Amino acid sequence: SSKKQIADKLETLEIDRLNFKSIVGVATHLEPYIRGWINYYGRYRP
């Protein structure tokens, strides 16, 4: 269910529609989300 929650969040983030000139902007935009997922769900069996 947590994996599904993350998948749903990726859907709502609409990454393919992000209007950054380079992939660096995409990475910066997504980092807070990804860091949170790894820091919490990556503690056991990452």
All heavy atoms as atom14 arrays in JSON, in Angstrom:
{
  "sequence": "SSKKQIADKLETLEIDRLNFKSIVGVATHLEPYIRGWINYYGRYRP",
  "atom14_mask": [
    [1, 1, 1, 1, 1, 1, 0, 0, 0, 0, 0, 0, 0, 0],
    [1, 1, 1, 1, 1, 1, 0, 0, 0, 0, 0, 0, 0, 0],
    [1, 1, 1, 1, 1, 1, 1, 1, 1, 0, 0, 0, 0, 0],
    [1, 1, 1, 1, 1, 1, 1, 1, 1, 0, 0, 0, 0, 0],
    [1, 1, 1, 1, 1, 1, 1, 1, 1, 0, 0, 0, 0, 0],
    [1, 1, 1, 1, 1, 1, 1, 1, 0, 0, 0, 0, 0, 0],
    [1, 1, 1, 1, 1, 0, 0, 0, 0, 0, 0, 0, 0, 0],
    [1, 1, 1, 1, 1, 1, 1, 1, 0, 0, 0, 0, 0, 0],
    [1, 1, 1, 1, 1, 1, 1, 1, 1, 0, 0, 0, 0, 0],
    [1, 1, 1, 1, 1, 1, 1, 1, 0, 0, 0, 0, 0, 0],
    [1, 1, 1, 1, 1, 1, 1, 1, 1, 0, 0, 0, 0, 0],
    [1, 1, 1, 1, 1, 1, 1, 0, 0, 0, 0, 0, 0, 0],
    [1, 1, 1, 1, 1, 1, 1, 1, 0, 0, 0, 0, 0, 0],
    [1, 1, 1, 1, 1, 1, 1, 1, 1, 0, 0, 0, 0, 0],
    [1, 1, 1, 1, 1, 1, 1, 1, 0, 0, 0, 0, 0, 0],
    [1, 1, 1, 1, 1, 1, 1, 1, 0, 0, 0, 0, 0, 0],
    [1, 1, 1, 1, 1, 1, 1, 1, 1, 1, 1, 0, 0, 0],
    [1, 1, 1, 1, 1, 1, 1, 1, 0, 0, 0, 0, 0, 0],
    [1, 1, 1, 1, 1, 1, 1, 1, 0, 0, 0, 0, 0, 0],
    [1, 1, 1, 1, 1, 1, 1, 1, 1, 1, 1, 0, 0, 0],
    [1, 1, 1, 1, 1, 1, 1, 1, 1, 0, 0, 0, 0, 0],
    [1, 1, 1, 1, 1, 1, 0, 0, 0, 0, 0, 0, 0, 0],
    [1, 1, 1, 1, 1, 1, 1, 1, 0, 0, 0, 0, 0, 0],
    [1, 1, 1, 1, 1, 1, 1, 0, 0, 0, 0, 0, 0, 0],
    [1, 1, 1, 1, 0, 0, 0, 0, 0, 0, 0, 0, 0, 0],
    [1, 1, 1, 1, 1, 1, 1, 0, 0, 0, 0, 0, 0, 0],
    [1, 1, 1, 1, 1, 0, 0, 0, 0, 0, 0, 0, 0, 0],
    [1, 1, 1, 1, 1, 1, 1, 0, 0, 0, 0, 0, 0, 0],
    [1, 1, 1, 1, 1, 1, 1, 1, 1, 1, 0, 0, 0, 0],
    [1, 1, 1, 1, 1, 1, 1, 1, 0, 0, 0, 0, 0, 0],
    [1, 1, 1, 1, 1, 1, 1, 1, 1, 0, 0, 0, 0, 0],
    [1, 1, 1, 1, 1, 1, 1, 0, 0, 0, 0, 0, 0, 0],
    [1, 1, 1, 1, 1, 1, 1, 1, 1, 1, 1, 1, 0, 0],
    [1, 1, 1, 1, 1, 1, 1, 1, 0, 0, 0, 0, 0, 0],
    [1, 1, 1, 1, 1, 1, 1, 1, 1, 1, 1, 0, 0, 0],
    [1, 1, 1, 1, 0, 0, 0, 0, 0, 0, 0, 0, 0, 0],
    [1, 1, 1, 1, 1, 1, 1, 1, 1, 1, 1, 1, 1, 1],
    [1, 1, 1, 1, 1, 1, 1, 1, 0, 0, 0, 0, 0, 0],
    [1, 1, 1, 1, 1, 1, 1, 1, 0, 0, 0, 0, 0, 0],
    [1, 1, 1, 1, 1, 1, 1, 1, 1, 1, 1, 1, 0, 0],
    [1, 1, 1, 1, 1, 1, 1, 1, 1, 1, 1, 1, 0, 0],
    [1, 1, 1, 1, 0, 0, 0, 0, 0, 0, 0, 0, 0, 0],
    [1, 1, 1, 1, 1, 1, 1, 1, 1, 1, 1, 0, 0, 0],
    [1, 1, 1, 1, 1, 1, 1, 1, 1, 1, 1, 1, 0, 0],
    [1, 1, 1, 1, 1, 1, 1, 1, 1, 1, 1, 0, 0, 0],
    [1, 1, 1, 1, 1, 1, 1, 0, 0, 0, 0, 0, 0, 0]
  ],
  "atom14_positions": [
    [[0.83, -1.21, 0.0], [0.0, 0.0, 0.0], [0.86, 1.26, 0.0], [0.5, 2.27, -0.61], [-0.95, 0.0, 1.2], [-0.23, -0.07, 2.41], [0.0, 0.0, 0.0], [0.0, 0.0, 0.0], [0.0, 0.0, 0.0], [0.0, 0.0, 0.0], [0.0, 0.0, 0.0], [0.0, 0.0, 0.0], [0.0, 0.0, 0.0], [0.0, 0.0, 0.0]],
    [[2.03, 1.21, 0.66], [2.94, 2.36, 0.65], [3.53, 2.56, -0.74], [3.7, 3.69, -1.2], [4.06, 2.18, 1.67], [3.53, 2.14, 2.98], [0.0, 0.0, 0.0], [0.0, 0.0, 0.0], [0.0, 0.0, 0.0], [0.0, 0.0, 0.0], [0.0, 0.0, 0.0], [0.0, 0.0, 0.0], [0.0, 0.0, 0.0], [0.0, 0.0, 0.0]],
    [[3.87, 1.46, -1.42], [4.37, 1.56, -2.79], [3.3, 2.19, -3.69], [3.61, 3.02, -4.54], [4.74, 0.18, -3.33], [5.99, -0.41, -2.73], [6.26, -1.78, -3.34], [7.46, -2.47, -2.7], [7.69, -3.81, -3.25], [0.0, 0.0, 0.0], [0.0, 0.0, 0.0], [0.0, 0.0, 0.0], [0.0, 0.0, 0.0], [0.0, 0.0, 0.0]],
    [[2.06, 1.79, -3.46], [0.98, 2.36, -4.27], [0.81, 3.85, -3.99], [0.56, 4.64, -4.91], [-0.33, 1.62, -3.98], [-1.49, 2.05, -4.89], [-2.75, 1.29, -4.59], [-3.86, 1.68, -5.56], [-4.15, 3.14, -5.56], [0.0, 0.0, 0.0], [0.0, 0.0, 0.0], [0.0, 0.0, 0.0], [0.0, 0.0, 0.0], [0.0, 0.0, 0.0]],
    [[0.97, 4.24, -2.74], [0.89, 5.66, -2.4], [1.96, 6.46, -3.14], [1.7, 7.55, -3.64], [1.06, 5.85, -0.89], [-0.21, 5.66, -0.09], [-0.02, 6.06, 1.36], [0.96, 5.68, 1.99], [-0.94, 6.82, 1.91], [0.0, 0.0, 0.0], [0.0, 0.0, 0.0], [0.0, 0.0, 0.0], [0.0, 0.0, 0.0], [0.0, 0.0, 0.0]],
    [[3.17, 5.92, -3.19], [4.26, 6.61, -3.9], [3.95, 6.66, -5.39], [4.16, 7.69, -6.04], [5.6, 5.91, -3.65], [5.99, 6.02, -2.17], [6.7, 6.52, -4.51], [7.26, 5.28, -1.8], [0.0, 0.0, 0.0], [0.0, 0.0, 0.0], [0.0, 0.0, 0.0], [0.0, 0.0, 0.0], [0.0, 0.0, 0.0], [0.0, 0.0, 0.0]],
    [[3.44, 5.56, -5.94], [3.08, 5.53, -7.36], [2.0, 6.56, -7.66], [2.06, 7.26, -8.69], [2.61, 4.13, -7.75], [0.0, 0.0, 0.0], [0.0, 0.0, 0.0], [0.0, 0.0, 0.0], [0.0, 0.0, 0.0], [0.0, 0.0, 0.0], [0.0, 0.0, 0.0], [0.0, 0.0, 0.0], [0.0, 0.0, 0.0], [0.0, 0.0, 0.0]],
    [[1.03, 6.67, -6.76], [-0.03, 7.67, -6.95], [0.54, 9.09, -6.89], [0.12, 9.98, -7.64], [-1.11, 7.51, -5.87], [-1.92, 6.23, -6.05], [-1.87, 5.65, -7.15], [-2.58, 5.81, -5.07], [0.0, 0.0, 0.0], [0.0, 0.0, 0.0], [0.0, 0.0, 0.0], [0.0, 0.0, 0.0], [0.0, 0.0, 0.0], [0.0, 0.0, 0.0]],
    [[1.52, 9.29, -6.0], [2.15, 10.61, -5.9], [2.92, 10.94, -7.18], [2.87, 12.08, -7.67], [3.09, 10.65, -4.69], [3.71, 12.02, -4.43], [2.64, 13.06, -4.13], [3.23, 14.43, -3.88], [2.18, 15.45, -3.6], [0.0, 0.0, 0.0], [0.0, 0.0, 0.0], [0.0, 0.0, 0.0], [0.0, 0.0, 0.0], [0.0, 0.0, 0.0]],
    [[3.61, 9.95, -7.74], [4.33, 10.17, -9.0], [3.35, 10.56, -10.11], [3.68, 11.36, -10.99], [5.09, 8.9, -9.4], [6.32, 8.56, -8.53], [6.9, 7.21, -8.96], [7.38, 9.64, -8.65], [0.0, 0.0, 0.0], [0.0, 0.0, 0.0], [0.0, 0.0, 0.0], [0.0, 0.0, 0.0], [0.0, 0.0, 0.0], [0.0, 0.0, 0.0]],
    [[2.16, 9.99, -10.05], [1.13, 10.31, -11.04], [0.69, 11.77, -10.9], [0.59, 12.5, -11.88], [-0.07, 9.38, -10.84], [-1.07, 9.38, -11.99], [-0.56, 8.69, -13.23], [0.21, 7.73, -13.1], [-0.94, 9.13, -14.34], [0.0, 0.0, 0.0], [0.0, 0.0, 0.0], [0.0, 0.0, 0.0], [0.0, 0.0, 0.0], [0.0, 0.0, 0.0]],
    [[0.44, 12.19, -9.65], [-0.05, 13.56, -9.43], [1.04, 14.6, -9.68], [0.73, 15.76, -9.97], [-0.58, 13.73, -8.0], [0.45, 13.45, -7.06], [-1.75, 12.78, -7.74], [0.0, 0.0, 0.0], [0.0, 0.0, 0.0], [0.0, 0.0, 0.0], [0.0, 0.0, 0.0], [0.0, 0.0, 0.0], [0.0, 0.0, 0.0], [0.0, 0.0, 0.0]],
    [[2.31, 14.2, -9.57], [3.41, 15.15, -9.83], [3.52, 15.51, -11.31], [4.12, 16.52, -11.65], [4.74, 14.56, -9.35], [4.98, 14.56, -7.83], [6.23, 13.76, -7.49], [5.1, 15.98, -7.3], [0.0, 0.0, 0.0], [0.0, 0.0, 0.0], [0.0, 0.0, 0.0], [0.0, 0.0, 0.0], [0.0, 0.0, 0.0], [0.0, 0.0, 0.0]],
    [[2.93, 14.64, -12.18], [2.92, 14.9, -13.64], [4.32, 15.29, -14.14], [4.54, 16.36, -14.7], [1.91, 15.99, -13.98], [0.48, 15.59, -13.66], [-0.54, 16.63, -14.13], [-0.26, 17.84, -13.95], [-1.57, 16.25, -14.69], [0.0, 0.0, 0.0], [0.0, 0.0, 0.0], [0.0, 0.0, 0.0], [0.0, 0.0, 0.0], [0.0, 0.0, 0.0]],
    [[5.26, 14.39, -13.91], [6.66, 14.65, -14.24], [6.85, 14.97, -15.72], [7.64, 15.85, -16.08], [7.53, 13.44, -13.82], [7.5, 13.31, -12.29], [8.97, 13.59, -14.32], [8.1, 12.03, -11.77], [0.0, 0.0, 0.0], [0.0, 0.0, 0.0], [0.0, 0.0, 0.0], [0.0, 0.0, 0.0], [0.0, 0.0, 0.0], [0.0, 0.0, 0.0]],
    [[6.11, 14.28, -16.57], [6.28, 14.5, -18.02], [5.86, 15.9, -18.45], [6.23, 16.36, -19.52], [5.5, 13.45, -18.82], [4.02, 13.43, -18.46], [3.7, 13.43, -17.26], [3.19, 13.44, -19.39], [0.0, 0.0, 0.0], [0.0, 0.0, 0.0], [0.0, 0.0, 0.0], [0.0, 0.0, 0.0], [0.0, 0.0, 0.0], [0.0, 0.0, 0.0]],
    [[5.11, 16.59, -17.58], [4.66, 17.95, -17.92], [5.5, 19.05, -17.26], [5.2, 20.23, -17.43], [3.19, 18.13, -17.52], [2.24, 17.22, -18.3], [0.8, 17.58, -18.01], [-0.13, 16.74, -18.76], [-1.44, 16.9, -18.78], [-1.99, 17.88, -18.06], [-2.21, 16.09, -19.49], [0.0, 0.0, 0.0], [0.0, 0.0, 0.0], [0.0, 0.0, 0.0]],
    [[6.5, 18.66, -16.5], [7.34, 19.66, -15.85], [8.08, 20.48, -16.9], [8.72, 19.94, -17.8], [8.36, 18.98, -14.92], [7.76, 18.28, -13.68], [8.86, 17.58, -12.89], [7.03, 19.27, -12.79], [0.0, 0.0, 0.0], [0.0, 0.0, 0.0], [0.0, 0.0, 0.0], [0.0, 0.0, 0.0], [0.0, 0.0, 0.0], [0.0, 0.0, 0.0]],
    [[8.01, 21.8, -16.74], [8.52, 22.7, -17.79], [9.91, 23.23, -17.44], [10.14, 24.43, -17.38], [7.53, 23.87, -17.98], [7.82, 24.64, -19.24], [8.37, 24.11, -20.21], [7.44, 25.91, -19.25], [0.0, 0.0, 0.0], [0.0, 0.0, 0.0], [0.0, 0.0, 0.0], [0.0, 0.0, 0.0], [0.0, 0.0, 0.0], [0.0, 0.0, 0.0]],
    [[10.85, 22.3, -17.21], [12.23, 22.7, -16.96], [13.05, 22.57, -18.24], [12.82, 21.66, -19.04], [12.85, 21.84, -15.85], [12.22, 22.03, -14.5], [11.35, 21.09, -13.99], [12.5, 23.16, -13.75], [10.76, 21.26, -12.74], [11.92, 23.35, -12.51], [11.05, 22.4, -12.0], [0.0, 0.0, 0.0], [0.0, 0.0, 0.0], [0.0, 0.0, 0.0]],
    [[14.02, 23.47, -18.39], [14.83, 23.46, -19.61], [15.78, 22.27, -19.66], [16.18, 21.83, -20.74], [15.61, 24.77, -19.74], [14.72, 25.98, -20.01], [15.54, 27.24, -20.19], [14.64, 28.43, -20.51], [15.42, 29.68, -20.7], [0.0, 0.0, 0.0], [0.0, 0.0, 0.0], [0.0, 0.0, 0.0], [0.0, 0.0, 0.0], [0.0, 0.0, 0.0]],
    [[16.18, 21.79, -18.48], [17.08, 20.64, -18.44], [16.64, 19.68, -17.36], [15.83, 20.02, -16.48], [18.52, 21.08, -18.2], [18.72, 21.38, -16.82], [0.0, 0.0, 0.0], [0.0, 0.0, 0.0], [0.0, 0.0, 0.0], [0.0, 0.0, 0.0], [0.0, 0.0, 0.0], [0.0, 0.0, 0.0], [0.0, 0.0, 0.0], [0.0, 0.0, 0.0]],
    [[17.23, 18.5, -17.39], [16.87, 17.47, -16.4], [17.36, 17.83, -15.0], [16.88, 17.29, -14.0], [17.42, 16.1, -16.85], [16.68, 14.98, -16.1], [18.93, 16.02, -16.65], [16.91, 13.6, -16.67], [0.0, 0.0, 0.0], [0.0, 0.0, 0.0], [0.0, 0.0, 0.0], [0.0, 0.0, 0.0], [0.0, 0.0, 0.0], [0.0, 0.0, 0.0]],
    [[18.29, 18.77, -14.91], [18.76, 19.24, -13.6], [17.6, 19.85, -12.82], [17.45, 19.63, -11.6], [19.91, 20.26, -13.76], [20.3, 20.83, -12.39], [21.1, 19.61, -14.44], [0.0, 0.0, 0.0], [0.0, 0.0, 0.0], [0.0, 0.0, 0.0], [0.0, 0.0, 0.0], [0.0, 0.0, 0.0], [0.0, 0.0, 0.0], [0.0, 0.0, 0.0]],
    [[16.77, 20.62, -13.48], [15.6, 21.22, -12.84], [14.62, 20.18, -12.34], [14.05, 20.31, -11.25], [0.0, 0.0, 0.0], [0.0, 0.0, 0.0], [0.0, 0.0, 0.0], [0.0, 0.0, 0.0], [0.0, 0.0, 0.0], [0.0, 0.0, 0.0], [0.0, 0.0, 0.0], [0.0, 0.0, 0.0], [0.0, 0.0, 0.0], [0.0, 0.0, 0.0]],
    [[14.45, 19.11, -13.12], [13.56, 18.01, -12.72], [14.11, 17.34, -11.46], [13.37, 17.07, -10.51], [13.42, 16.98, -13.86], [12.54, 15.82, -13.42], [12.84, 17.63, -15.11], [0.0, 0.0, 0.0], [0.0, 0.0, 0.0], [0.0, 0.0, 0.0], [0.0, 0.0, 0.0], [0.0, 0.0, 0.0], [0.0, 0.0, 0.0], [0.0, 0.0, 0.0]],
    [[15.42, 17.09, -11.45], [16.05, 16.44, -10.3], [15.9, 17.28, -9.04], [15.6, 16.76, -7.96], [17.52, 16.17, -10.6], [0.0, 0.0, 0.0], [0.0, 0.0, 0.0], [0.0, 0.0, 0.0], [0.0, 0.0, 0.0], [0.0, 0.0, 0.0], [0.0, 0.0, 0.0], [0.0, 0.0, 0.0], [0.0, 0.0, 0.0], [0.0, 0.0, 0.0]],
    [[16.11, 18.58, -9.17], [15.99, 19.48, -8.02], [14.56, 19.51, -7.51], [14.32, 19.5, -6.29], [16.44, 20.9, -8.42], [17.78, 20.85, -8.91], [16.37, 21.84, -7.23], [0.0, 0.0, 0.0], [0.0, 0.0, 0.0], [0.0, 0.0, 0.0], [0.0, 0.0, 0.0], [0.0, 0.0, 0.0], [0.0, 0.0, 0.0], [0.0, 0.0, 0.0]],
    [[13.61, 19.53, -8.43], [12.19, 19.57, -8.07], [11.76, 18.3, -7.33], [10.98, 18.36, -6.37], [11.35, 19.74, -9.35], [9.88, 19.74, -9.1], [9.22, 20.8, -8.52], [8.92, 18.8, -9.35], [7.92, 20.53, -8.42], [7.72, 19.31, -8.93], [0.0, 0.0, 0.0], [0.0, 0.0, 0.0], [0.0, 0.0, 0.0], [0.0, 0.0, 0.0]],
    [[12.28, 17.15, -7.74], [11.84, 15.87, -7.18], [12.61, 15.46, -5.92], [12.15, 14.59, -5.17], [11.99, 14.76, -8.22], [11.11, 14.86, -9.47], [11.41, 13.71, -10.41], [9.63, 14.84, -9.09], [0.0, 0.0, 0.0], [0.0, 0.0, 0.0], [0.0, 0.0, 0.0], [0.0, 0.0, 0.0], [0.0, 0.0, 0.0], [0.0, 0.0, 0.0]],
    [[13.76, 16.08, -5.68], [14.63, 15.6, -4.6], [13.96, 15.54, -3.23], [14.14, 14.55, -2.51], [15.92, 16.43, -4.53], [16.84, 15.95, -3.42], [18.29, 16.35, -3.61], [18.74, 16.48, -4.76], [18.98, 16.52, -2.6], [0.0, 0.0, 0.0], [0.0, 0.0, 0.0], [0.0, 0.0, 0.0], [0.0, 0.0, 0.0], [0.0, 0.0, 0.0]],
    [[13.18, 16.55, -2.8], [12.57, 16.44, -1.46], [11.67, 15.21, -1.31], [11.65, 14.59, -0.25], [11.75, 17.73, -1.34], [12.39, 18.68, -2.31], [12.88, 17.84, -3.44], [0.0, 0.0, 0.0], [0.0, 0.0, 0.0], [0.0, 0.0, 0.0], [0.0, 0.0, 0.0], [0.0, 0.0, 0.0], [0.0, 0.0, 0.0], [0.0, 0.0, 0.0]],
    [[10.94, 14.86, -2.38], [10.07, 13.69, -2.33], [10.9, 12.41, -2.23], [10.65, 11.55, -1.38], [9.19, 13.63, -3.57], [8.29, 14.83, -3.76], [8.62, 15.84, -4.67], [7.11, 14.96, -3.03], [7.81, 16.94, -4.85], [6.28, 16.07, -3.21], [6.64, 17.05, -4.12], [5.84, 18.15, -4.28], [0.0, 0.0, 0.0], [0.0, 0.0, 0.0]],
    [[11.9, 12.29, -3.12], [12.71, 11.07, -3.18], [13.49, 10.89, -1.88], [13.59, 9.78, -1.34], [13.66, 11.11, -4.39], [12.86, 11.26, -5.7], [14.51, 9.85, -4.45], [13.7, 11.57, -6.92], [0.0, 0.0, 0.0], [0.0, 0.0, 0.0], [0.0, 0.0, 0.0], [0.0, 0.0, 0.0], [0.0, 0.0, 0.0], [0.0, 0.0, 0.0]],
    [[14.03, 11.98, -1.36], [14.79, 11.9, -0.11], [13.9, 11.39, 1.02], [14.3, 10.54, 1.82], [15.37, 13.26, 0.26], [16.3, 13.18, 1.48], [16.64, 14.54, 2.06], [17.31, 15.39, 1.09], [16.81, 16.53, 0.63], [15.62, 16.96, 1.06], [17.47, 17.26, -0.25], [0.0, 0.0, 0.0], [0.0, 0.0, 0.0], [0.0, 0.0, 0.0]],
    [[12.69, 11.91, 1.08], [11.75, 11.47, 2.12], [11.42, 10.0, 2.0], [11.39, 9.28, 3.02], [0.0, 0.0, 0.0], [0.0, 0.0, 0.0], [0.0, 0.0, 0.0], [0.0, 0.0, 0.0], [0.0, 0.0, 0.0], [0.0, 0.0, 0.0], [0.0, 0.0, 0.0], [0.0, 0.0, 0.0], [0.0, 0.0, 0.0], [0.0, 0.0, 0.0]],
    [[11.17, 9.51, 0.79], [10.85, 8.08, 0.59], [12.01, 7.19, 1.0], [11.81, 6.19, 1.68], [10.46, 7.83, -0.87], [9.23, 8.56, -1.3], [8.16, 8.9, -0.51], [8.92, 9.04, -2.61], [7.21, 9.57, -1.25], [7.65, 9.66, -2.54], [9.58, 9.02, -3.84], [7.04, 10.25, -3.65], [8.98, 9.6, -4.94], [7.71, 10.21, -4.86]],
    [[13.21, 7.54, 0.58], [14.38, 6.71, 0.89], [14.69, 6.75, 2.38], [14.97, 5.72, 3.01], [15.6, 7.14, 0.05], [15.38, 6.74, -1.42], [16.88, 6.5, 0.59], [16.51, 7.15, -2.35], [0.0, 0.0, 0.0], [0.0, 0.0, 0.0], [0.0, 0.0, 0.0], [0.0, 0.0, 0.0], [0.0, 0.0, 0.0], [0.0, 0.0, 0.0]],
    [[14.64, 7.94, 2.97], [14.97, 8.06, 4.39], [14.0, 7.3, 5.27], [14.38, 6.75, 6.31], [15.01, 9.53, 4.81], [16.22, 10.26, 4.26], [17.13, 9.64, 3.72], [16.23, 11.57, 4.39], [0.0, 0.0, 0.0], [0.0, 0.0, 0.0], [0.0, 0.0, 0.0], [0.0, 0.0, 0.0], [0.0, 0.0, 0.0], [0.0, 0.0, 0.0]],
    [[12.71, 7.26, 4.87], [11.75, 6.54, 5.7], [11.64, 5.07, 5.32], [11.85, 4.18, 6.16], [10.36, 7.19, 5.63], [9.4, 6.53, 6.6], [9.52, 6.75, 7.96], [8.43, 5.64, 6.16], [8.69, 6.11, 8.87], [7.59, 4.99, 7.06], [7.72, 5.24, 8.41], [6.9, 4.58, 9.31], [0.0, 0.0, 0.0], [0.0, 0.0, 0.0]],
    [[11.35, 4.79, 4.05], [11.1, 3.41, 3.64], [12.38, 2.63, 3.34], [12.33, 1.4, 3.2], [10.19, 3.38, 2.41], [8.81, 3.9, 2.68], [8.37, 5.11, 2.12], [7.93, 3.21, 3.52], [7.09, 5.59, 2.38], [6.66, 3.69, 3.78], [6.24, 4.88, 3.21], [4.99, 5.35, 3.47], [0.0, 0.0, 0.0], [0.0, 0.0, 0.0]],
    [[13.5, 3.32, 3.25], [14.76, 2.64, 2.96], [15.5, 2.17, 4.19], [16.6, 1.61, 4.08], [0.0, 0.0, 0.0], [0.0, 0.0, 0.0], [0.0, 0.0, 0.0], [0.0, 0.0, 0.0], [0.0, 0.0, 0.0], [0.0, 0.0, 0.0], [0.0, 0.0, 0.0], [0.0, 0.0, 0.0], [0.0, 0.0, 0.0], [0.0, 0.0, 0.0]],
    [[14.92, 2.34, 5.37], [15.6, 1.92, 6.61], [15.76, 0.4, 6.65], [16.78, -0.12, 7.09], [14.8, 2.42, 7.82], [15.32, 1.95, 9.16], [16.73, 2.44, 9.46], [16.78, 3.87, 9.6], [16.71, 4.53, 10.76], [16.57, 3.85, 11.9], [16.8, 5.84, 10.79], [0.0, 0.0, 0.0], [0.0, 0.0, 0.0], [0.0, 0.0, 0.0]],
    [[14.72, -0.34, 6.22], [14.77, -1.79, 6.23], [14.53, -2.32, 4.82], [13.59, -1.91, 4.15], [13.72, -2.37, 7.19], [13.89, -1.86, 8.61], [12.99, -0.95, 9.15], [14.96, -2.27, 9.38], [13.16, -0.48, 10.44], [15.14, -1.81, 10.68], [14.24, -0.91, 11.21], [14.4, -0.43, 12.48], [0.0, 0.0, 0.0], [0.0, 0.0, 0.0]],
    [[15.4, -3.21, 4.37], [15.3, -3.82, 3.03], [15.07, -2.76, 1.95], [14.05, -2.77, 1.25], [14.21, -4.87, 3.01], [14.54, -6.07, 3.92], [13.46, -7.12, 3.88], [13.85, -8.24, 4.73], [14.32, -9.41, 4.29], [14.44, -9.59, 2.98], [14.66, -10.36, 5.12], [0.0, 0.0, 0.0], [0.0, 0.0, 0.0], [0.0, 0.0, 0.0]],
    [[16.0, -1.85, 1.79], [15.81, -0.77, 0.81], [15.65, -1.25, -0.63], [15.08, -0.54, -1.46], [17.09, 0.08, 0.97], [18.08, -0.83, 1.62], [17.29, -1.74, 2.49], [0.0, 0.0, 0.0], [0.0, 0.0, 0.0], [0.0, 0.0, 0.0], [0.0, 0.0, 0.0], [0.0, 0.0, 0.0], [0.0, 0.0, 0.0], [0.0, 0.0, 0.0]]
  ]
}
